[in-house]
Amino acid sequence: MVTIWLVNRALLKGLLNRVNQLDSTIAEAIQSVLGGGIQETEQVNPIQLLLFDLIKQNIKPKTANLDLLKDESGKFV
């Protein structure tokens, strides 16, 4: 009974040490991300803007400009 208690205690102590280590590792990672600050992004290339505008124009749905002519009987001319 005492042996099981000692094993459980050792496992719990090891688990707590790992959790504390993980906590400090996560804290260091957050500090490194936030500590670096926001870096300036590079300017957009004019050719990239042109391509973006072309793609944006092609995404818009286009309507057909068809005039359907029918005679008095309803048949297409």
C-alpha atoms as a PDB file:
ATOM      1  CA  MET A   1       0.000   0.000   0.000  1.00  0.00           C
ATOM      2  CA  VAL A   2       2.839   2.372   0.888  1.00  0.00           C
ATOM      3  CA  THR A   3       4.630   1.489  -2.349  1.00  0.00           C
ATOM      4  CA  ILE A   4       1.605   2.442  -4.455  1.00  0.00           C
ATOM      5  CA  TRP A   5       1.329   5.715  -2.577  1.00  0.00           C
ATOM      6  CA  LEU A   6       5.018   6.512  -3.204  1.00  0.00           C
ATOM      7  CA  VAL A   7       4.714   5.669  -6.904  1.00  0.00           C
ATOM      8  CA  ASN A   8       1.609   7.831  -7.245  1.00  0.00           C
ATOM      9  CA  ARG A   9       3.325  10.679  -5.428  1.00  0.00           C
ATOM     10  CA  ALA A  10       6.391  10.437  -7.682  1.00  0.00           C
ATOM     11  CA  LEU A  11       4.212  10.358 -10.810  1.00  0.00           C
ATOM     12  CA  LEU A  12       2.209  13.357  -9.618  1.00  0.00           C
ATOM     13  CA  LYS A  13       5.360  15.308  -8.800  1.00  0.00           C
ATOM     14  CA  GLY A  14       6.803  14.542 -12.257  1.00  0.00           C
ATOM     15  CA  LEU A  15       3.558  15.548 -13.923  1.00  0.00           C
ATOM     16  CA  LEU A  16       3.453  18.843 -12.028  1.00  0.00           C
ATOM     17  CA  ASN A  17       7.052  19.566 -13.023  1.00  0.00           C
ATOM     18  CA  ARG A  18       6.196  18.946 -16.689  1.00  0.00           C
ATOM     19  CA  VAL A  19       3.117  21.190 -16.480  1.00  0.00           C
ATOM     20  CA  ASN A  20       5.172  23.989 -14.913  1.00  0.00           C
ATOM     21  CA  GLN A  21       7.837  23.568 -17.599  1.00  0.00           C
ATOM     22  CA  LEU A  22       5.188  23.693 -20.324  1.00  0.00           C
ATOM     23  CA  ASP A  23       3.668  26.788 -18.729  1.00  0.00           C
ATOM     24  CA  SER A  24       7.007  28.599 -18.732  1.00  0.00           C
ATOM     25  CA  THR A  25       7.699  27.510 -22.324  1.00  0.00           C
ATOM     26  CA  ILE A  26       4.341  28.871 -23.473  1.00  0.00           C
ATOM     27  CA  ALA A  27       4.979  32.112 -21.565  1.00  0.00           C
ATOM     28  CA  GLU A  28       8.370  32.508 -23.273  1.00  0.00           C
ATOM     29  CA  ALA A  29       6.813  31.892 -26.685  1.00  0.00           C
ATOM     30  CA  ILE A  30       4.128  34.517 -26.073  1.00  0.00           C
ATOM     31  CA  GLN A  31       6.729  37.006 -24.881  1.00  0.00           C
ATOM     32  CA  SER A  32       8.875  36.433 -27.970  1.00  0.00           C
ATOM     33  CA  VAL A  33       5.896  37.009 -30.260  1.00  0.00           C
ATOM     34  CA  LEU A  34       4.610  40.082 -28.443  1.00  0.00           C
ATOM     35  CA  GLY A  35       8.028  41.429 -27.549  1.00  0.00           C
ATOM     36  CA  GLY A  36       9.069  41.746 -31.181  1.00  0.00           C
ATOM     37  CA  GLY A  37       6.341  44.283 -31.845  1.00  0.00           C
ATOM     38  CA  ILE A  38       4.613  44.841 -35.128  1.00  0.00           C
ATOM     39  CA  GLN A  39       7.023  45.001 -38.005  1.00  0.00           C
ATOM     40  CA  GLU A  40       6.479  47.141 -41.042  1.00  0.00           C
ATOM     41  CA  THR A  41       5.115  45.304 -44.014  1.00  0.00           C
ATOM     42  CA  GLU A  42       6.551  45.912 -47.435  1.00  0.00           C
ATOM     43  CA  GLN A  43       4.711  48.065 -49.927  1.00  0.00           C
ATOM     44  CA  VAL A  44       2.400  46.416 -52.420  1.00  0.00           C
ATOM     45  CA  ASN A  45       3.858  46.044 -55.880  1.00  0.00           C
ATOM     46  CA  PRO A  46       1.913  47.975 -58.592  1.00  0.00           C
ATOM     47  CA  ILE A  47       1.832  44.854 -60.776  1.00  0.00           C
ATOM     48  CA  GLN A  48       0.255  42.953 -57.875  1.00  0.00           C
ATOM     49  CA  LEU A  49      -2.405  45.673 -57.622  1.00  0.00           C
ATOM     50  CA  LEU A  50      -3.097  45.408 -61.345  1.00  0.00           C
ATOM     51  CA  LEU A  51      -3.483  41.634 -61.156  1.00  0.00           C
ATOM     52  CA  PHE A  52      -5.705  41.965 -58.109  1.00  0.00           C
ATOM     53  CA  ASP A  53      -7.989  44.412 -59.943  1.00  0.00           C
ATOM     54  CA  LEU A  54      -8.199  42.098 -62.962  1.00  0.00           C
ATOM     55  CA  ILE A  55      -9.110  39.137 -60.803  1.00  0.00           C
ATOM     56  CA  LYS A  56     -11.655  41.208 -58.884  1.00  0.00           C
ATOM     57  CA  GLN A  57     -13.325  42.297 -62.129  1.00  0.00           C
ATOM     58  CA  ASN A  58     -13.531  38.718 -63.401  1.00  0.00           C
ATOM     59  CA  ILE A  59     -15.146  37.478 -60.183  1.00  0.00           C
ATOM     60  CA  LYS A  60     -18.166  39.773 -60.551  1.00  0.00           C
ATOM     61  CA  PRO A  61     -21.117  38.048 -62.215  1.00  0.00           C
ATOM     62  CA  LYS A  62     -21.654  39.259 -65.739  1.00  0.00           C
ATOM     63  CA  THR A  63     -25.037  39.631 -67.364  1.00  0.00           C
ATOM     64  CA  ALA A  64     -25.550  38.827 -71.006  1.00  0.00           C
ATOM     65  CA  ASN A  65     -26.567  41.716 -73.225  1.00  0.00           C
ATOM     66  CA  LEU A  66     -28.811  39.777 -75.566  1.00  0.00           C
ATOM     67  CA  ASP A  67     -31.909  41.228 -77.083  1.00  0.00           C
ATOM     68  CA  LEU A  68     -34.231  38.362 -77.849  1.00  0.00           C
ATOM     69  CA  LEU A  69     -36.504  39.247 -80.689  1.00  0.00           C
ATOM     70  CA  LYS A  70     -39.793  37.422 -81.091  1.00  0.00           C
ATOM     71  CA  ASP A  71     -42.414  37.849 -83.721  1.00  0.00           C
ATOM     72  CA  GLU A  72     -46.143  38.037 -83.040  1.00  0.00           C
ATOM     73  CA  SER A  73     -46.524  34.253 -82.887  1.00  0.00           C
ATOM     74  CA  GLY A  74     -43.834  33.972 -80.188  1.00  0.00           C
ATOM     75  CA  LYS A  75     -41.145  32.500 -82.410  1.00  0.00           C
ATOM     76  CA  PHE A  76     -37.608  33.797 -82.241  1.00  0.00           C
ATOM     77  CA  VAL A  77     -36.547  35.874 -85.190  1.00  0.00           C
END
